[in-house]
Amino acid sequence: MTTLRPMYMSDLVTVLKIIDAHDEDDATAAEDDYQSDGIENQFVLELGEKIIGVTGYRAIEASDNSYWLSWTYLSPDYQRQGLGRQLLQQLTDKLREKSARKLFVKVSDYCEDGKKLYENAFHAYRSFGFTEEVINRDFYEEGESQHILSFDFSNKSQNVESEAQGKKIIEERPNIQFCGLYEIAETDGSYSFRWEVKETKKLFAKRNFTAVDVQTGIDAAKEQGARKIYLTFPSNLPLIHKPLQDAGFDYVGCLSDYYEDGIHEYHFVYSF
């Protein structure tokens, strides 16, 4: 019988060995994540007293009970025995107790020696009930894309156009300013912008950035050798989307009800 229990720091060596058995780079990134963000809401799967798997979740900031799935791996010796499904079932049970709405997971389509390294994980998520929502092409590097899937705890059909069954969504028009540029972790040449909301008290003050402002960020990314720029914004910020598209960004798709029912996360990409 398997048991999902909280992870302790003393479990870290075993956990990283399990992840490393799948991918060395993932083990390094996971260790950095545990050290920087801690192990709260991270779990290990035990069979008897033996740790055979790891999983967890991180809350999405400024959302209504939305979460990202953390590093989720099963020891290769215990795959194809239904134990991965048990791991996901026990984790989602814990999230149901927290009244979770949606759980998102990122999966790479990295191919090594003609084999997709995460294909089994992708099929396991789909079989469990996850639905693919966004594909960011060539996200990690040329030829390696990012697939984002979601698990909907409400079991309602996903329909972005319904806007949460008629719920009135209030559009916001804040003064958005870009304040930095950074290369996205675990990618080769994929960049994004940092941005912040500035308060303005002047009636005729500039309320938002323009395509010219966005171009400044594009030029800076080009100087850094960027391949692509990926940006995400809430769907209820109408002044954001047109300047991005005027500057040459393409709309990729959205994660439905990401922040709350009816407020989605829009994804954009600029390719050099």
C-alpha atoms as a PDB file:
ATOM      1  CA  MET A   1       0.000   0.000   0.000  1.00  0.00           C
ATOM      2  CA  THR A   2       1.315   3.453  -0.898  1.00  0.00           C
ATOM      3  CA  THR A   3       1.262   6.529   1.331  1.00  0.00           C
ATOM      4  CA  LEU A   4       1.826  10.136   0.314  1.00  0.00           C
ATOM      5  CA  ARG A   5       3.457  11.977   3.192  1.00  0.00           C
ATOM      6  CA  PRO A   6       5.092  15.412   3.564  1.00  0.00           C
ATOM      7  CA  MET A   7       8.678  15.669   2.381  1.00  0.00           C
ATOM      8  CA  TYR A   8      11.429  16.299   4.913  1.00  0.00           C
ATOM      9  CA  MET A   9      14.829  17.794   4.156  1.00  0.00           C
ATOM     10  CA  SER A  10      16.306  14.421   5.122  1.00  0.00           C
ATOM     11  CA  ASP A  11      14.449  12.942   2.113  1.00  0.00           C
ATOM     12  CA  LEU A  12      16.191  15.258  -0.333  1.00  0.00           C
ATOM     13  CA  VAL A  13      19.054  12.948  -1.320  1.00  0.00           C
ATOM     14  CA  THR A  14      16.630  10.111  -2.136  1.00  0.00           C
ATOM     15  CA  VAL A  15      14.240  12.437  -3.954  1.00  0.00           C
ATOM     16  CA  LEU A  16      16.991  13.879  -6.137  1.00  0.00           C
ATOM     17  CA  LYS A  17      18.220  10.382  -7.009  1.00  0.00           C
ATOM     18  CA  ILE A  18      14.723   9.505  -8.253  1.00  0.00           C
ATOM     19  CA  ILE A  19      14.581  12.661 -10.380  1.00  0.00           C
ATOM     20  CA  ASP A  20      18.151  12.185 -11.614  1.00  0.00           C
ATOM     21  CA  ALA A  21      17.233   8.692 -12.840  1.00  0.00           C
ATOM     22  CA  HIS A  22      14.960  10.449 -15.338  1.00  0.00           C
ATOM     23  CA  ASP A  23      17.029  13.541 -16.146  1.00  0.00           C
ATOM     24  CA  GLU A  24      20.189  14.982 -14.592  1.00  0.00           C
ATOM     25  CA  ASP A  25      19.299  18.579 -15.470  1.00  0.00           C
ATOM     26  CA  ASP A  26      15.883  18.195 -13.845  1.00  0.00           C
ATOM     27  CA  ALA A  27      17.540  16.970 -10.637  1.00  0.00           C
ATOM     28  CA  THR A  28      19.771  20.050 -10.556  1.00  0.00           C
ATOM     29  CA  ALA A  29      16.841  22.394 -11.202  1.00  0.00           C
ATOM     30  CA  ALA A  30      14.706  20.617  -8.590  1.00  0.00           C
ATOM     31  CA  GLU A  31      17.424  20.946  -5.966  1.00  0.00           C
ATOM     32  CA  ASP A  32      17.681  24.675  -6.653  1.00  0.00           C
ATOM     33  CA  ASP A  33      13.893  24.972  -6.387  1.00  0.00           C
ATOM     34  CA  TYR A  34      13.698  23.129  -3.066  1.00  0.00           C
ATOM     35  CA  GLN A  35      16.535  25.217  -1.655  1.00  0.00           C
ATOM     36  CA  SER A  36      15.075  28.556  -2.804  1.00  0.00           C
ATOM     37  CA  ASP A  37      11.326  27.980  -2.326  1.00  0.00           C
ATOM     38  CA  GLY A  38      11.353  25.367   0.416  1.00  0.00           C
ATOM     39  CA  ILE A  39       9.588  22.026   0.728  1.00  0.00           C
ATOM     40  CA  GLU A  40       6.199  23.155   2.023  1.00  0.00           C
ATOM     41  CA  ASN A  41       3.429  21.286   0.151  1.00  0.00           C
ATOM     42  CA  GLN A  42       5.998  18.856  -1.282  1.00  0.00           C
ATOM     43  CA  PHE A  43       5.461  15.135  -0.754  1.00  0.00           C
ATOM     44  CA  VAL A  44       7.065  11.725  -1.159  1.00  0.00           C
ATOM     45  CA  LEU A  45       5.279   8.517  -2.075  1.00  0.00           C
ATOM     46  CA  GLU A  46       6.201   5.566   0.113  1.00  0.00           C
ATOM     47  CA  LEU A  47       5.654   1.881  -0.546  1.00  0.00           C
ATOM     48  CA  GLY A  48       6.049   0.347   2.867  1.00  0.00           C
ATOM     49  CA  GLU A  49       8.912   2.462   4.203  1.00  0.00           C
ATOM     50  CA  LYS A  50      10.644   2.924   0.848  1.00  0.00           C
ATOM     51  CA  ILE A  51      10.418   6.256  -0.989  1.00  0.00           C
ATOM     52  CA  ILE A  52       9.471   5.513  -4.595  1.00  0.00           C
ATOM     53  CA  GLY A  53       8.105   8.840  -5.828  1.00  0.00           C
ATOM     54  CA  VAL A  54       7.924  12.586  -5.351  1.00  0.00           C
ATOM     55  CA  THR A  55       5.338  15.262  -6.103  1.00  0.00           C
ATOM     56  CA  GLY A  56       3.880  18.467  -4.711  1.00  0.00           C
ATOM     57  CA  TYR A  57       2.284  21.771  -5.613  1.00  0.00           C
ATOM     58  CA  ARG A  58       2.913  25.512  -5.498  1.00  0.00           C
ATOM     59  CA  ALA A  59       0.120  28.048  -5.140  1.00  0.00           C
ATOM     60  CA  ILE A  60      -0.276  30.512  -8.025  1.00  0.00           C
ATOM     61  CA  GLU A  61       0.087  34.062  -6.750  1.00  0.00           C
ATOM     62  CA  ALA A  62      -3.006  36.298  -6.975  1.00  0.00           C
ATOM     63  CA  SER A  63      -5.226  33.387  -7.992  1.00  0.00           C
ATOM     64  CA  ASP A  64      -8.363  31.841  -6.548  1.00  0.00           C
ATOM     65  CA  ASN A  65      -7.044  28.408  -5.535  1.00  0.00           C
ATOM     66  CA  SER A  66      -5.027  27.628  -8.658  1.00  0.00           C
ATOM     67  CA  TYR A  67      -1.798  25.631  -8.372  1.00  0.00           C
ATOM     68  CA  TRP A  68       1.227  24.435 -10.341  1.00  0.00           C
ATOM     69  CA  LEU A  69       2.234  20.802 -10.030  1.00  0.00           C
ATOM     70  CA  SER A  70       5.775  20.533  -8.657  1.00  0.00           C
ATOM     71  CA  TRP A  71       8.461  18.023  -9.590  1.00  0.00           C
ATOM     72  CA  THR A  72       6.550  14.772 -10.041  1.00  0.00           C
ATOM     73  CA  TYR A  73       8.500  11.585 -10.664  1.00  0.00           C
ATOM     74  CA  LEU A  74       8.241   7.878  -9.941  1.00  0.00           C
ATOM     75  CA  SER A  75      11.269   5.634  -9.532  1.00  0.00           C
ATOM     76  CA  PRO A  76      11.857   3.787 -12.836  1.00  0.00           C
ATOM     77  CA  ASP A  77      11.717   0.454 -10.994  1.00  0.00           C
ATOM     78  CA  TYR A  78       8.068   1.104 -10.053  1.00  0.00           C
ATOM     79  CA  GLN A  79       6.647   2.397 -13.297  1.00  0.00           C
ATOM     80  CA  ARG A  80       3.809   0.754 -15.230  1.00  0.00           C
ATOM     81  CA  GLN A  81       2.282  -0.685 -12.037  1.00  0.00           C
ATOM     82  CA  GLY A  82      -0.464   1.888 -11.523  1.00  0.00           C
ATOM     83  CA  LEU A  83       1.563   3.622  -8.808  1.00  0.00           C
ATOM     84  CA  GLY A  84       1.877   6.894 -10.708  1.00  0.00           C
ATOM     85  CA  ARG A  85      -1.897   7.130 -10.829  1.00  0.00           C
ATOM     86  CA  GLN A  86      -2.036   6.478  -7.083  1.00  0.00           C
ATOM     87  CA  LEU A  87       0.451   9.301  -6.562  1.00  0.00           C
ATOM     88  CA  LEU A  88      -1.678  11.744  -8.589  1.00  0.00           C
ATOM     89  CA  GLN A  89      -4.877  10.572  -6.923  1.00  0.00           C
ATOM     90  CA  GLN A  90      -3.531  11.135  -3.423  1.00  0.00           C
ATOM     91  CA  LEU A  91      -2.151  14.548  -4.362  1.00  0.00           C
ATOM     92  CA  THR A  92      -5.378  15.740  -5.983  1.00  0.00           C
ATOM     93  CA  ASP A  93      -7.292  14.465  -2.932  1.00  0.00           C
ATOM     94  CA  LYS A  94      -5.169  16.778  -0.790  1.00  0.00           C
ATOM     95  CA  LEU A  95      -5.882  19.676  -3.149  1.00  0.00           C
ATOM     96  CA  ARG A  96      -9.615  18.980  -3.083  1.00  0.00           C
ATOM     97  CA  GLU A  97      -9.460  19.404   0.686  1.00  0.00           C
ATOM     98  CA  LYS A  98      -8.047  22.896   0.009  1.00  0.00           C
ATOM     99  CA  SER A  99     -10.944  23.661  -2.393  1.00  0.00           C
ATOM    100  CA  ALA A 100      -8.568  23.795  -5.369  1.00  0.00           C
ATOM    101  CA  ARG A 101     -10.078  24.916  -8.688  1.00  0.00           C
ATOM    102  CA  LYS A 102      -7.323  24.075 -11.164  1.00  0.00           C
ATOM    103  CA  LEU A 103      -3.942  22.363 -11.207  1.00  0.00           C
ATOM    104  CA  PHE A 104      -1.486  23.112 -14.026  1.00  0.00           C
ATOM    105  CA  VAL A 105       1.573  21.179 -15.154  1.00  0.00           C
ATOM    106  CA  LYS A 106       4.328  21.895 -17.692  1.00  0.00           C
ATOM    107  CA  VAL A 107       5.666  19.016 -19.798  1.00  0.00           C
ATOM    108  CA  SER A 108       8.573  19.095 -22.241  1.00  0.00           C
ATOM    109  CA  ASP A 109       8.531  17.149 -25.512  1.00  0.00           C
ATOM    110  CA  TYR A 110      12.324  16.707 -25.371  1.00  0.00           C
ATOM    111  CA  CYS A 111      13.522  13.949 -27.670  1.00  0.00           C
ATOM    112  CA  GLU A 112      16.691  11.905 -27.039  1.00  0.00           C
ATOM    113  CA  ASP A 113      17.893   9.192 -29.406  1.00  0.00           C
ATOM    114  CA  GLY A 114      14.545   9.318 -31.166  1.00  0.00           C
ATOM    115  CA  LYS A 115      12.565   8.858 -27.943  1.00  0.00           C
ATOM    116  CA  LYS A 116      10.480  11.506 -26.186  1.00  0.00           C
ATOM    117  CA  LEU A 117      11.797  11.528 -22.626  1.00  0.00           C
ATOM    118  CA  TYR A 118       8.539  12.668 -21.005  1.00  0.00           C
ATOM    119  CA  GLU A 119       6.075  10.826 -23.239  1.00  0.00           C
ATOM    120  CA  ASN A 120       5.012   8.428 -20.474  1.00  0.00           C
ATOM    121  CA  ALA A 121       4.378  11.338 -18.110  1.00  0.00           C
ATOM    122  CA  PHE A 122       2.363  13.162 -20.762  1.00  0.00           C
ATOM    123  CA  HIS A 123       0.135  10.131 -21.352  1.00  0.00           C
ATOM    124  CA  ALA A 124      -0.221   9.554 -17.603  1.00  0.00           C
ATOM    125  CA  TYR A 125      -1.517  13.099 -17.104  1.00  0.00           C
ATOM    126  CA  ARG A 126      -3.934  12.806 -20.016  1.00  0.00           C
ATOM    127  CA  SER A 127      -5.185   9.449 -18.752  1.00  0.00           C
ATOM    128  CA  PHE A 128      -5.755  10.904 -15.289  1.00  0.00           C
ATOM    129  CA  GLY A 129      -7.899  13.724 -16.656  1.00  0.00           C
ATOM    130  CA  PHE A 130      -5.518  16.570 -17.501  1.00  0.00           C
ATOM    131  CA  THR A 131      -6.318  18.573 -20.645  1.00  0.00           C
ATOM    132  CA  GLU A 132      -3.741  20.256 -22.847  1.00  0.00           C
ATOM    133  CA  GLU A 133      -4.338  24.015 -23.052  1.00  0.00           C
ATOM    134  CA  VAL A 134      -1.223  25.743 -24.440  1.00  0.00           C
ATOM    135  CA  ILE A 135       1.805  24.701 -26.510  1.00  0.00           C
ATOM    136  CA  ASN A 136       4.774  27.082 -26.474  1.00  0.00           C
ATOM    137  CA  ARG A 137       6.749  25.989 -29.530  1.00  0.00           C
ATOM    138  CA  ASP A 138      10.560  25.795 -29.256  1.00  0.00           C
ATOM    139  CA  PHE A 139      10.294  27.092 -25.692  1.00  0.00           C
ATOM    140  CA  TYR A 140      13.261  25.336 -24.073  1.00  0.00           C
ATOM    141  CA  GLU A 141      15.372  25.292 -27.230  1.00  0.00           C
ATOM    142  CA  GLU A 142      14.867  24.850 -30.951  1.00  0.00           C
ATOM    143  CA  GLY A 143      12.858  21.647 -31.372  1.00  0.00           C
ATOM    144  CA  GLU A 144      11.862  21.343 -27.688  1.00  0.00           C
ATOM    145  CA  SER A 145       8.441  22.764 -26.876  1.00  0.00           C
ATOM    146  CA  GLN A 146       6.544  23.305 -23.633  1.00  0.00           C
ATOM    147  CA  HIS A 147       3.093  21.747 -23.239  1.00  0.00           C
ATOM    148  CA  ILE A 148       0.871  23.092 -20.449  1.00  0.00           C
ATOM    149  CA  LEU A 149      -1.960  20.896 -19.224  1.00  0.00           C
ATOM    150  CA  SER A 150      -4.574  21.468 -16.556  1.00  0.00           C
ATOM    151  CA  PHE A 151      -6.735  19.436 -14.221  1.00  0.00           C
ATOM    152  CA  ASP A 152     -10.130  21.007 -13.498  1.00  0.00           C
ATOM    153  CA  PHE A 153     -11.481  20.080 -10.073  1.00  0.00           C
ATOM    154  CA  SER A 154     -14.964  21.355 -10.915  1.00  0.00           C
ATOM    155  CA  ASN A 155     -15.287  18.839 -13.775  1.00  0.00           C
ATOM    156  CA  LYS A 156     -17.024  21.490 -15.859  1.00  0.00           C
ATOM    157  CA  SER A 157     -16.338  21.566 -19.575  1.00  0.00           C
ATOM    158  CA  GLN A 158     -13.702  24.162 -20.481  1.00  0.00           C
ATOM    159  CA  ASN A 159     -15.188  26.914 -22.626  1.00  0.00           C
ATOM    160  CA  VAL A 160     -13.260  30.160 -22.672  1.00  0.00           C
ATOM    161  CA  GLU A 161     -16.005  31.965 -24.571  1.00  0.00           C
ATOM    162  CA  SER A 162     -18.583  31.265 -21.875  1.00  0.00           C
ATOM    163  CA  GLU A 163     -16.702  33.551 -19.457  1.00  0.00           C
ATOM    164  CA  ALA A 164     -17.547  31.337 -16.525  1.00  0.00           C
ATOM    165  CA  GLN A 165     -21.212  30.898 -17.393  1.00  0.00           C
ATOM    166  CA  GLY A 166     -22.091  34.580 -17.655  1.00  0.00           C
ATOM    167  CA  LYS A 167     -20.030  35.859 -14.739  1.00  0.00           C
ATOM    168  CA  LYS A 168     -19.355  39.593 -15.169  1.00  0.00           C
ATOM    169  CA  ILE A 169     -15.625  40.206 -15.502  1.00  0.00           C
ATOM    170  CA  ILE A 170     -14.353  43.680 -14.606  1.00  0.00           C
ATOM    171  CA  GLU A 171     -11.726  44.968 -17.002  1.00  0.00           C
ATOM    172  CA  GLU A 172      -8.748  46.671 -15.368  1.00  0.00           C
ATOM    173  CA  ARG A 173      -6.682  49.461 -16.925  1.00  0.00           C
ATOM    174  CA  PRO A 174      -3.608  49.903 -14.728  1.00  0.00           C
ATOM    175  CA  ASN A 175      -0.441  51.780 -15.651  1.00  0.00           C
ATOM    176  CA  ILE A 176       1.825  48.867 -16.654  1.00  0.00           C
ATOM    177  CA  GLN A 177       5.567  49.451 -16.989  1.00  0.00           C
ATOM    178  CA  PHE A 178       8.257  46.985 -18.031  1.00  0.00           C
ATOM    179  CA  CYS A 179      11.130  47.067 -15.543  1.00  0.00           C
ATOM    180  CA  GLY A 180      13.544  44.370 -16.652  1.00  0.00           C
ATOM    181  CA  LEU A 181      14.568  41.570 -18.976  1.00  0.00           C
ATOM    182  CA  TYR A 182      15.626  38.040 -18.045  1.00  0.00           C
ATOM    183  CA  GLU A 183      16.389  34.698 -19.643  1.00  0.00           C
ATOM    184  CA  ILE A 184      13.845  32.063 -18.607  1.00  0.00           C
ATOM    185  CA  ALA A 185      15.364  29.314 -16.447  1.00  0.00           C
ATOM    186  CA  GLU A 186      16.122  25.990 -18.153  1.00  0.00           C
ATOM    187  CA  THR A 187      15.888  27.526 -21.634  1.00  0.00           C
ATOM    188  CA  ASP A 188      18.374  28.364 -24.345  1.00  0.00           C
ATOM    189  CA  GLY A 189      17.689  31.895 -25.493  1.00  0.00           C
ATOM    190  CA  SER A 190      14.070  32.305 -24.360  1.00  0.00           C
ATOM    191  CA  TYR A 191      13.498  35.619 -22.584  1.00  0.00           C
ATOM    192  CA  SER A 192      10.707  37.421 -20.787  1.00  0.00           C
ATOM    193  CA  PHE A 193      10.037  40.885 -19.354  1.00  0.00           C
ATOM    194  CA  ARG A 194       9.512  41.874 -15.765  1.00  0.00           C
ATOM    195  CA  TRP A 195       6.675  44.327 -15.317  1.00  0.00           C
ATOM    196  CA  GLU A 196       4.992  46.215 -12.517  1.00  0.00           C
ATOM    197  CA  VAL A 197       1.870  48.259 -11.908  1.00  0.00           C
ATOM    198  CA  LYS A 198       2.493  51.948 -11.257  1.00  0.00           C
ATOM    199  CA  GLU A 199      -0.014  54.110  -9.463  1.00  0.00           C
ATOM    200  CA  THR A 200      -0.989  57.326 -11.217  1.00  0.00           C
ATOM    201  CA  LYS A 201      -3.049  60.139  -9.772  1.00  0.00           C
ATOM    202  CA  LYS A 202      -2.968  62.501 -12.722  1.00  0.00           C
ATOM    203  CA  LEU A 203      -6.153  62.551 -14.777  1.00  0.00           C
ATOM    204  CA  PHE A 204      -4.291  62.720 -18.098  1.00  0.00           C
ATOM    205  CA  ALA A 205      -1.253  60.655 -17.130  1.00  0.00           C
ATOM    206  CA  LYS A 206      -0.062  57.898 -19.435  1.00  0.00           C
ATOM    207  CA  ARG A 207      -2.107  54.837 -18.565  1.00  0.00           C
ATOM    208  CA  ASN A 208      -0.232  52.098 -20.387  1.00  0.00           C
ATOM    209  CA  PHE A 209       2.720  51.224 -22.565  1.00  0.00           C
ATOM    210  CA  THR A 210       2.628  51.409 -26.342  1.00  0.00           C
ATOM    211  CA  ALA A 211       4.064  49.273 -29.136  1.00  0.00           C
ATOM    212  CA  VAL A 212       7.056  51.655 -29.092  1.00  0.00           C
ATOM    213  CA  ASP A 213       7.670  50.808 -25.426  1.00  0.00           C
ATOM    214  CA  VAL A 214       7.454  47.096 -26.213  1.00  0.00           C
ATOM    215  CA  GLN A 215       9.959  47.555 -29.048  1.00  0.00           C
ATOM    216  CA  THR A 216      12.491  48.865 -26.531  1.00  0.00           C
ATOM    217  CA  GLY A 217      12.277  45.535 -24.725  1.00  0.00           C
ATOM    218  CA  ILE A 218      12.505  43.614 -27.990  1.00  0.00           C
ATOM    219  CA  ASP A 219      15.662  45.493 -28.947  1.00  0.00           C
ATOM    220  CA  ALA A 220      17.231  44.781 -25.554  1.00  0.00           C
ATOM    221  CA  ALA A 221      16.433  41.074 -25.871  1.00  0.00           C
ATOM    222  CA  LYS A 222      17.938  40.987 -29.354  1.00  0.00           C
ATOM    223  CA  GLU A 223      21.165  42.465 -27.999  1.00  0.00           C
ATOM    224  CA  GLN A 224      21.276  39.617 -25.470  1.00  0.00           C
ATOM    225  CA  GLY A 225      21.017  37.037 -28.253  1.00  0.00           C
ATOM    226  CA  ALA A 226      17.430  35.985 -27.545  1.00  0.00           C
ATOM    227  CA  ARG A 227      15.691  33.480 -29.813  1.00  0.00           C
ATOM    228  CA  LYS A 228      12.220  34.213 -28.529  1.00  0.00           C
ATOM    229  CA  ILE A 229      10.378  36.353 -26.002  1.00  0.00           C
ATOM    230  CA  TYR A 230       7.465  34.825 -24.087  1.00  0.00           C
ATOM    231  CA  LEU A 231       4.979  36.985 -22.178  1.00  0.00           C
ATOM    232  CA  THR A 232       1.825  36.208 -20.224  1.00  0.00           C
ATOM    233  CA  PHE A 233      -0.887  38.595 -19.023  1.00  0.00           C
ATOM    234  CA  PRO A 234      -4.363  38.279 -17.474  1.00  0.00           C
ATOM    235  CA  SER A 235      -7.237  38.359 -19.943  1.00  0.00           C
ATOM    236  CA  ASN A 236      -8.934  41.300 -18.207  1.00  0.00           C
ATOM    237  CA  LEU A 237      -6.217  43.810 -19.145  1.00  0.00           C
ATOM    238  CA  PRO A 238      -7.458  45.017 -22.547  1.00  0.00           C
ATOM    239  CA  LEU A 239      -4.820  47.748 -22.917  1.00  0.00           C
ATOM    240  CA  ILE A 240      -2.049  45.135 -22.863  1.00  0.00           C
ATOM    241  CA  HIS A 241      -2.918  42.959 -25.808  1.00  0.00           C
ATOM    242  CA  LYS A 242      -3.030  45.367 -28.757  1.00  0.00           C
ATOM    243  CA  PRO A 243       0.404  46.974 -28.162  1.00  0.00           C
ATOM    244  CA  LEU A 244       1.968  43.511 -27.928  1.00  0.00           C
ATOM    245  CA  GLN A 245       0.441  42.409 -31.206  1.00  0.00           C
ATOM    246  CA  ASP A 246       1.237  45.757 -32.880  1.00  0.00           C
ATOM    247  CA  ALA A 247       4.886  45.202 -31.881  1.00  0.00           C
ATOM    248  CA  GLY A 248       4.930  41.796 -33.573  1.00  0.00           C
ATOM    249  CA  PHE A 249       4.002  39.413 -30.774  1.00  0.00           C
ATOM    250  CA  ASP A 250       1.813  36.462 -31.750  1.00  0.00           C
ATOM    251  CA  TYR A 251      -1.007  35.216 -29.558  1.00  0.00           C
ATOM    252  CA  VAL A 252      -0.306  31.577 -28.584  1.00  0.00           C
ATOM    253  CA  GLY A 253      -3.378  30.663 -26.546  1.00  0.00           C
ATOM    254  CA  CYS A 254      -4.615  30.831 -22.984  1.00  0.00           C
ATOM    255  CA  LEU A 255      -4.855  28.913 -19.750  1.00  0.00           C
ATOM    256  CA  SER A 256      -8.568  29.111 -19.034  1.00  0.00           C
ATOM    257  CA  ASP A 257      -9.771  30.288 -15.619  1.00  0.00           C
ATOM    258  CA  TYR A 258      -6.133  30.556 -14.522  1.00  0.00           C
ATOM    259  CA  TYR A 259      -6.583  33.370 -11.998  1.00  0.00           C
ATOM    260  CA  GLU A 260     -10.233  32.780 -11.230  1.00  0.00           C
ATOM    261  CA  ASP A 261     -13.326  31.655 -13.097  1.00  0.00           C
ATOM    262  CA  GLY A 262     -13.542  33.835 -16.188  1.00  0.00           C
ATOM    263  CA  ILE A 263     -10.064  35.382 -15.915  1.00  0.00           C
ATOM    264  CA  HIS A 264      -7.585  33.509 -18.067  1.00  0.00           C
ATOM    265  CA  GLU A 265      -3.843  33.795 -18.678  1.00  0.00           C
ATOM    266  CA  TYR A 266      -3.020  34.873 -22.238  1.00  0.00           C
ATOM    267  CA  HIS A 267       0.269  33.712 -23.761  1.00  0.00           C
ATOM    268  CA  PHE A 268       2.235  35.687 -26.379  1.00  0.00           C
ATOM    269  CA  VAL A 269       5.485  35.005 -28.223  1.00  0.00           C
ATOM    270  CA  TYR A 270       7.901  37.070 -30.288  1.00  0.00           C
ATOM    271  CA  SER A 271      10.292  35.180 -32.590  1.00  0.00           C
ATOM    272  CA  PHE A 272      13.557  36.647 -33.864  1.00  0.00           C
END
